Protein backbone atom coordinates (compact mmCIF):
# COMPACT_ATOMS: atom_id res chain seq x y z
CA MET A 1 45.08 121.70 53.21
CA PRO A 2 47.73 120.21 50.93
CA LEU A 3 51.37 120.47 51.95
CA VAL A 4 52.50 121.11 48.37
CA ARG A 5 51.44 124.30 46.64
CA GLY A 6 49.28 123.63 43.70
CA GLU A 7 46.03 124.93 42.47
CA GLU A 8 44.01 126.94 44.93
CA ILE A 9 41.31 124.76 46.50
CA PRO A 10 38.01 126.63 46.39
CA PRO A 11 36.02 126.83 49.62
CA PRO A 12 33.07 124.45 49.79
CA ALA A 13 29.87 125.86 48.37
CA PRO A 14 27.44 126.98 51.07
CA ARG A 15 24.44 124.74 51.53
CA ASP A 16 21.23 126.15 50.20
CA ILE A 17 19.02 127.36 53.00
CA ASP A 18 15.34 126.95 52.22
CA ASP A 19 13.61 129.90 53.84
CA SER A 20 10.21 128.53 52.77
CA LEU A 21 10.46 126.35 55.89
CA HIS A 22 11.08 129.37 58.13
CA GLY A 23 8.60 129.57 60.99
CA ARG A 24 7.27 126.04 60.54
CA THR A 25 7.18 123.87 63.67
CA VAL A 26 8.53 120.33 63.87
CA LEU A 27 8.18 118.06 66.90
CA VAL A 28 11.17 115.72 67.29
CA VAL A 29 10.28 112.68 69.40
CA ASP A 30 13.51 110.83 70.29
CA ASP A 31 14.98 109.51 73.53
CA ASP A 32 18.62 110.02 72.47
CA ALA A 33 19.98 113.49 73.32
CA ARG A 34 22.55 113.25 70.52
CA ASN A 35 19.83 112.66 67.94
CA LEU A 36 17.74 115.52 69.34
CA TYR A 37 20.76 117.81 69.12
CA ALA A 38 21.67 116.77 65.57
CA LEU A 39 18.12 116.91 64.22
CA SER A 40 17.43 120.24 65.92
CA GLY A 41 20.59 121.75 64.47
CA ILE A 42 19.69 120.72 60.93
CA LEU A 43 16.10 121.92 61.23
CA GLU A 44 16.91 125.20 63.00
CA LEU A 45 19.45 126.05 60.28
CA HIS A 46 16.45 126.26 57.95
CA GLY A 47 14.45 128.48 60.31
CA ILE A 48 12.26 125.68 61.62
CA ASP A 49 11.03 125.94 65.20
CA VAL A 50 11.80 122.67 66.98
CA LEU A 51 9.98 121.12 69.92
CA HIS A 52 11.31 118.03 71.72
CA ALA A 53 9.80 115.02 73.41
CA GLU A 54 11.71 112.04 74.80
CA ASN A 55 9.10 109.32 74.20
CA GLY A 56 5.71 108.70 72.64
CA VAL A 57 3.76 109.73 75.75
CA GLU A 58 5.56 113.08 75.90
CA GLY A 59 5.14 113.46 72.13
CA ILE A 60 1.37 113.10 72.36
CA GLU A 61 1.32 115.57 75.27
CA ALA A 62 3.43 118.06 73.29
CA LEU A 63 1.00 117.76 70.40
CA ARG A 64 -1.89 118.58 72.76
CA GLU A 65 -0.02 121.58 74.19
CA HIS A 66 1.17 122.90 70.81
CA PRO A 67 -1.59 122.52 68.21
CA GLY A 68 0.48 124.45 65.62
CA ILE A 69 2.90 121.57 64.99
CA ASP A 70 3.40 121.13 61.24
CA LEU A 71 5.29 117.81 61.21
CA ILE A 72 6.54 115.13 63.60
CA LEU A 73 9.85 113.26 63.33
CA MET A 74 9.09 110.12 65.35
CA ASP A 75 11.83 107.78 66.53
CA VAL A 76 10.64 104.19 66.43
CA MET A 77 12.52 102.63 69.35
CA MET A 78 11.87 104.47 72.64
CA PRO A 79 11.09 103.53 76.23
CA GLU A 80 7.63 103.87 77.76
CA MET A 81 5.81 104.24 74.40
CA ASP A 82 7.49 103.44 71.09
CA GLY A 83 7.00 105.36 67.87
CA TYR A 84 4.63 102.82 66.34
CA THR A 85 2.22 103.04 69.28
CA ALA A 86 2.49 106.83 69.50
CA THR A 87 1.83 107.21 65.77
CA THR A 88 -1.22 104.93 66.00
CA LYS A 89 -2.59 106.93 68.96
CA ILE A 90 -2.00 110.26 67.18
CA ARG A 91 -3.85 108.97 64.10
CA GLN A 92 -6.85 108.04 66.28
CA ASN A 93 -7.52 111.78 66.71
CA PRO A 94 -9.32 113.01 63.56
CA ALA A 95 -7.68 116.42 63.99
CA HIS A 96 -4.30 114.76 63.26
CA ALA A 97 -5.40 112.52 60.41
CA THR A 98 -3.30 114.43 57.86
CA LEU A 99 -0.46 115.65 60.11
CA PRO A 100 2.80 114.47 58.50
CA ILE A 101 4.56 111.94 60.75
CA VAL A 102 7.95 110.73 59.55
CA SER A 103 9.26 107.59 61.29
CA VAL A 104 12.97 107.72 62.07
CA THR A 105 14.90 104.60 63.03
CA ALA A 106 18.45 103.35 63.23
CA LYS A 107 17.24 99.83 62.63
CA ALA A 108 16.73 99.36 58.92
CA MET A 109 15.31 95.90 59.44
CA PRO A 110 13.16 94.26 56.79
CA GLY A 111 9.56 95.20 57.39
CA ASP A 112 10.27 98.35 59.48
CA ARG A 113 9.13 100.67 56.69
CA GLU A 114 5.91 98.73 56.16
CA LYS A 115 5.28 98.56 59.92
CA SER A 116 5.79 102.34 60.21
CA LEU A 117 3.42 103.08 57.35
CA ALA A 118 0.88 100.59 58.71
CA ALA A 119 0.97 102.42 62.07
CA GLY A 120 0.03 105.61 60.26
CA ALA A 121 3.38 107.20 59.42
CA SER A 122 3.45 109.41 56.34
CA ASP A 123 7.04 108.55 55.48
CA TYR A 124 10.08 106.68 56.78
CA VAL A 125 13.78 107.59 57.04
CA THR A 126 16.74 105.73 58.54
CA LYS A 127 19.65 106.89 60.67
CA PRO A 128 22.25 108.07 60.19
CA LEU A 129 20.32 110.84 58.50
CA ASP A 130 21.83 112.87 55.71
CA ALA A 131 21.02 116.56 56.34
CA ASP A 132 20.05 117.22 52.72
CA ASP A 133 17.84 114.11 52.59
CA LEU A 134 16.15 115.09 55.85
CA ILE A 135 15.37 118.61 54.64
CA ALA A 136 14.14 117.23 51.31
CA CYS A 137 11.77 114.95 53.21
CA VAL A 138 10.54 117.78 55.45
CA ARG A 139 10.16 120.09 52.44
CA ARG A 140 8.22 117.37 50.58
CA TRP A 141 5.69 117.11 53.42
CA LEU A 142 5.51 120.78 54.43
CA GLY A 143 5.42 121.99 50.85
CA HIS A 144 2.00 120.42 50.34
CA ARG A 145 -1.29 121.22 51.97
CA SER A 146 -3.06 118.48 53.89
CA ASP A 147 -5.55 117.90 51.07
CA GLU A 148 -2.78 117.18 48.58
CA ALA A 149 -0.32 114.96 50.45
CA PRO A 150 2.62 113.68 48.42
CA VAL A 151 2.76 110.10 47.29
CA VAL A 152 5.19 107.89 49.26
CA SER A 153 7.07 105.54 46.99
């Protein structure tokens, strides 16, 4: 708030909440509690049900236990089983051939995107994530049926 009176500063415009995502289920696979908290908050604001797993092994188990998962946000660097291996194993199950899996990594190293896509990821985003960009990515993948997946550029 400015110390000198001037023009009234309007309040920030509220973010658009996309209720078309309401009731969808996203599995967040990440070993960092801060990332889980941040991602969950963004997703839940849009009415998305969020499940958590702390590594690839737990992510695969969560997928077995909750067959209604609509999308996975998969961290790349995790202990026990990394995101590349978990994505490859998930893709080996024909039932998950078209399940959107978005790789999430803090390391934007050359080749990471290609390695993620080669492992079977549908898309790739880097941390720190912008909330609007994340929701746009989720909307892009959940707004299409499995037989008409969007094109990744």
